[in-house]
N, C-alpha and C. Protein backbone atom coordinates (compact mmCIF):
# COMPACT_ATOMS: atom_id res chain seq x y z
N ILE A 1 17.81 16.01 8.70
CA ILE A 1 18.62 15.50 7.61
C ILE A 1 19.78 16.46 7.43
N LEU A 2 20.93 15.90 7.20
CA LEU A 2 22.13 16.71 7.07
C LEU A 2 22.43 16.99 5.61
N SER A 3 22.94 18.15 5.36
CA SER A 3 23.35 18.50 4.00
C SER A 3 24.76 19.06 4.05
N VAL A 4 25.41 19.06 2.90
CA VAL A 4 26.78 19.54 2.81
C VAL A 4 26.78 20.89 2.12
N ASN A 5 27.43 21.85 2.70
CA ASN A 5 27.58 23.18 2.11
C ASN A 5 29.02 23.34 1.65
N GLY A 6 29.25 23.21 0.35
CA GLY A 6 30.60 23.38 -0.19
C GLY A 6 31.57 22.39 0.43
N GLY A 7 32.69 22.85 0.94
CA GLY A 7 33.65 21.99 1.61
C GLY A 7 33.73 22.29 3.08
N GLU A 8 32.76 22.99 3.61
CA GLU A 8 32.79 23.43 5.00
C GLU A 8 32.43 22.34 5.98
N GLY A 9 31.96 21.21 5.53
CA GLY A 9 31.55 20.15 6.44
C GLY A 9 30.04 20.02 6.48
N PHE A 10 29.59 19.31 7.47
CA PHE A 10 28.16 19.04 7.59
C PHE A 10 27.49 20.11 8.44
N THR A 11 26.39 20.59 7.94
CA THR A 11 25.54 21.49 8.72
C THR A 11 24.12 20.96 8.65
N SER A 12 23.37 21.22 9.66
CA SER A 12 21.99 20.72 9.67
C SER A 12 21.09 21.69 8.93
N ALA A 13 20.19 21.14 8.16
CA ALA A 13 19.22 21.94 7.43
C ALA A 13 17.89 21.20 7.42
N VAL A 14 16.82 21.92 7.52
CA VAL A 14 15.49 21.32 7.50
C VAL A 14 15.10 21.05 6.05
N VAL A 15 14.74 19.81 5.79
CA VAL A 15 14.32 19.42 4.45
C VAL A 15 12.90 18.89 4.57
N GLY A 16 12.02 19.37 3.72
CA GLY A 16 10.62 18.97 3.77
C GLY A 16 10.38 17.58 3.21
N PRO A 17 9.23 17.01 3.52
CA PRO A 17 8.93 15.66 3.04
C PRO A 17 8.80 15.57 1.52
N LYS A 18 8.38 16.65 0.88
CA LYS A 18 8.24 16.63 -0.57
C LYS A 18 9.61 16.48 -1.24
N GLU A 19 10.61 17.19 -0.73
CA GLU A 19 11.96 17.09 -1.29
C GLU A 19 12.55 15.70 -1.06
N VAL A 20 12.29 15.12 0.11
CA VAL A 20 12.79 13.77 0.39
C VAL A 20 12.13 12.77 -0.55
N GLY A 21 10.83 12.88 -0.72
CA GLY A 21 10.12 11.97 -1.62
C GLY A 21 10.57 12.08 -3.05
N MET A 22 10.77 13.29 -3.51
CA MET A 22 11.23 13.48 -4.89
C MET A 22 12.65 12.97 -5.09
N SER A 23 13.50 13.11 -4.08
CA SER A 23 14.87 12.60 -4.23
C SER A 23 14.91 11.08 -4.18
N LEU A 24 14.00 10.46 -3.44
CA LEU A 24 13.98 9.00 -3.36
C LEU A 24 13.30 8.37 -4.56
N PHE A 25 12.15 8.90 -4.95
CA PHE A 25 11.32 8.24 -5.97
C PHE A 25 11.23 9.02 -7.27
N GLY A 26 11.89 10.15 -7.40
CA GLY A 26 11.78 11.00 -8.57
C GLY A 26 11.99 10.29 -9.89
N PRO A 27 13.14 9.65 -10.11
CA PRO A 27 13.38 9.01 -11.40
C PRO A 27 12.51 7.76 -11.62
N TYR A 28 12.02 7.18 -10.55
CA TYR A 28 11.28 5.92 -10.65
C TYR A 28 9.82 6.08 -10.26
N LEU A 29 9.27 7.26 -10.44
CA LEU A 29 7.92 7.55 -9.97
C LEU A 29 6.88 6.64 -10.61
N ILE A 30 6.96 6.42 -11.91
CA ILE A 30 5.97 5.58 -12.59
C ILE A 30 6.10 4.13 -12.12
N GLY A 31 7.31 3.65 -11.95
CA GLY A 31 7.52 2.29 -11.46
C GLY A 31 6.99 2.09 -10.06
N VAL A 32 7.20 3.07 -9.20
CA VAL A 32 6.69 2.99 -7.83
C VAL A 32 5.18 3.00 -7.82
N GLU A 33 4.56 3.85 -8.63
CA GLU A 33 3.10 3.91 -8.70
C GLU A 33 2.52 2.60 -9.23
N LEU A 34 3.13 2.02 -10.26
CA LEU A 34 2.65 0.74 -10.79
C LEU A 34 2.80 -0.38 -9.78
N ALA A 35 3.90 -0.39 -9.06
CA ALA A 35 4.09 -1.41 -8.02
C ALA A 35 3.05 -1.26 -6.92
N ALA A 36 2.72 -0.03 -6.55
CA ALA A 36 1.70 0.20 -5.53
C ALA A 36 0.33 -0.28 -5.98
N ILE A 37 0.00 -0.04 -7.24
CA ILE A 37 -1.29 -0.49 -7.77
C ILE A 37 -1.34 -2.02 -7.80
N LEU A 38 -0.25 -2.66 -8.23
CA LEU A 38 -0.23 -4.12 -8.26
C LEU A 38 -0.32 -4.72 -6.86
N LEU A 39 0.35 -4.12 -5.89
CA LEU A 39 0.26 -4.62 -4.52
C LEU A 39 -1.15 -4.45 -3.97
N LEU A 40 -1.78 -3.33 -4.25
CA LEU A 40 -3.15 -3.11 -3.79
C LEU A 40 -4.10 -4.12 -4.42
N ALA A 41 -3.93 -4.37 -5.72
CA ALA A 41 -4.78 -5.36 -6.40
C ALA A 41 -4.55 -6.75 -5.81
N GLY A 42 -3.32 -7.07 -5.46
CA GLY A 42 -3.02 -8.36 -4.85
C GLY A 42 -3.66 -8.51 -3.48
N ILE A 43 -3.64 -7.45 -2.69
CA ILE A 43 -4.26 -7.50 -1.37
C ILE A 43 -5.77 -7.67 -1.48
N VAL A 44 -6.39 -6.93 -2.38
CA VAL A 44 -7.84 -7.04 -2.57
C VAL A 44 -8.19 -8.43 -3.09
N GLY A 45 -7.42 -8.95 -4.02
CA GLY A 45 -7.67 -10.30 -4.55
C GLY A 45 -7.50 -11.37 -3.50
N ALA A 46 -6.46 -11.25 -2.67
CA ALA A 46 -6.24 -12.24 -1.61
C ALA A 46 -7.37 -12.21 -0.59
N TYR A 47 -7.86 -11.02 -0.28
CA TYR A 47 -8.99 -10.92 0.64
C TYR A 47 -10.23 -11.57 0.04
N HIS A 48 -10.47 -11.30 -1.23
CA HIS A 48 -11.65 -11.83 -1.89
C HIS A 48 -11.59 -13.36 -1.98
N LEU A 49 -10.43 -13.90 -2.30
CA LEU A 49 -10.30 -15.35 -2.40
C LEU A 49 -10.29 -16.03 -1.04
N GLY A 50 -9.83 -15.35 -0.01
CA GLY A 50 -9.68 -15.96 1.29
C GLY A 50 -10.88 -15.85 2.21
N ARG A 51 -11.84 -15.04 1.86
CA ARG A 51 -12.98 -14.89 2.76
C ARG A 51 -13.87 -16.13 2.71
N ARG A 52 -14.52 -16.39 3.81
CA ARG A 52 -15.42 -17.55 3.88
C ARG A 52 -16.78 -17.14 3.36
N LYS A 53 -17.33 -18.02 2.58
CA LYS A 53 -18.65 -17.72 2.03
C LYS A 53 -19.72 -18.18 3.01
N LYS A 54 -20.70 -17.34 3.18
CA LYS A 54 -21.80 -17.63 4.10
C LYS A 54 -22.75 -18.61 3.42
N VAL A 55 -23.01 -19.71 4.10
CA VAL A 55 -23.93 -20.70 3.56
C VAL A 55 -25.34 -20.30 3.96
N SER A 56 -26.16 -20.04 2.99
CA SER A 56 -27.53 -19.65 3.30
C SER A 56 -28.48 -20.64 2.64
N THR A 57 -29.42 -21.07 3.41
CA THR A 57 -30.46 -21.96 2.89
C THR A 57 -31.80 -21.28 3.10
N HIS A 58 -32.69 -21.56 2.22
CA HIS A 58 -34.01 -20.98 2.33
C HIS A 58 -34.76 -21.67 3.45
N ARG A 59 -35.61 -20.97 4.13
CA ARG A 59 -36.31 -21.54 5.28
C ARG A 59 -37.24 -22.68 4.89
N PHE A 60 -37.72 -22.72 3.63
CA PHE A 60 -38.59 -23.81 3.21
C PHE A 60 -37.79 -25.07 2.88
N LEU A 61 -36.49 -24.92 2.65
CA LEU A 61 -35.66 -26.07 2.31
C LEU A 61 -35.04 -26.72 3.53
N GLU A 62 -35.11 -26.08 4.69
CA GLU A 62 -34.55 -26.65 5.91
C GLU A 62 -35.41 -27.81 6.38
N GLU A 63 -34.74 -28.82 6.92
CA GLU A 63 -35.49 -29.96 7.47
C GLU A 63 -35.99 -29.60 8.85
N THR A 64 -37.21 -29.94 9.11
CA THR A 64 -37.78 -29.69 10.43
C THR A 64 -38.09 -31.01 11.08
N SER A 65 -37.86 -31.08 12.36
CA SER A 65 -38.16 -32.32 13.09
C SER A 65 -39.55 -32.19 13.70
N LYS A 66 -40.39 -33.19 13.41
CA LYS A 66 -41.76 -33.17 13.94
C LYS A 66 -42.00 -34.36 14.81
């Protein structure tokens, strides 16, 4: 990631992931966290609603051919 030092132009500097994350999401941290929780709840709910239910019958209720 490039940074600017005064008016000297661009120089390369190593910036850690924590600084990048804070600069991107710093002011909106609570909003980003709430959106992540809502998306996770939506994924779990979609999985729960979309899964196929296993049909189970008791062995005494099954019809047997004799």
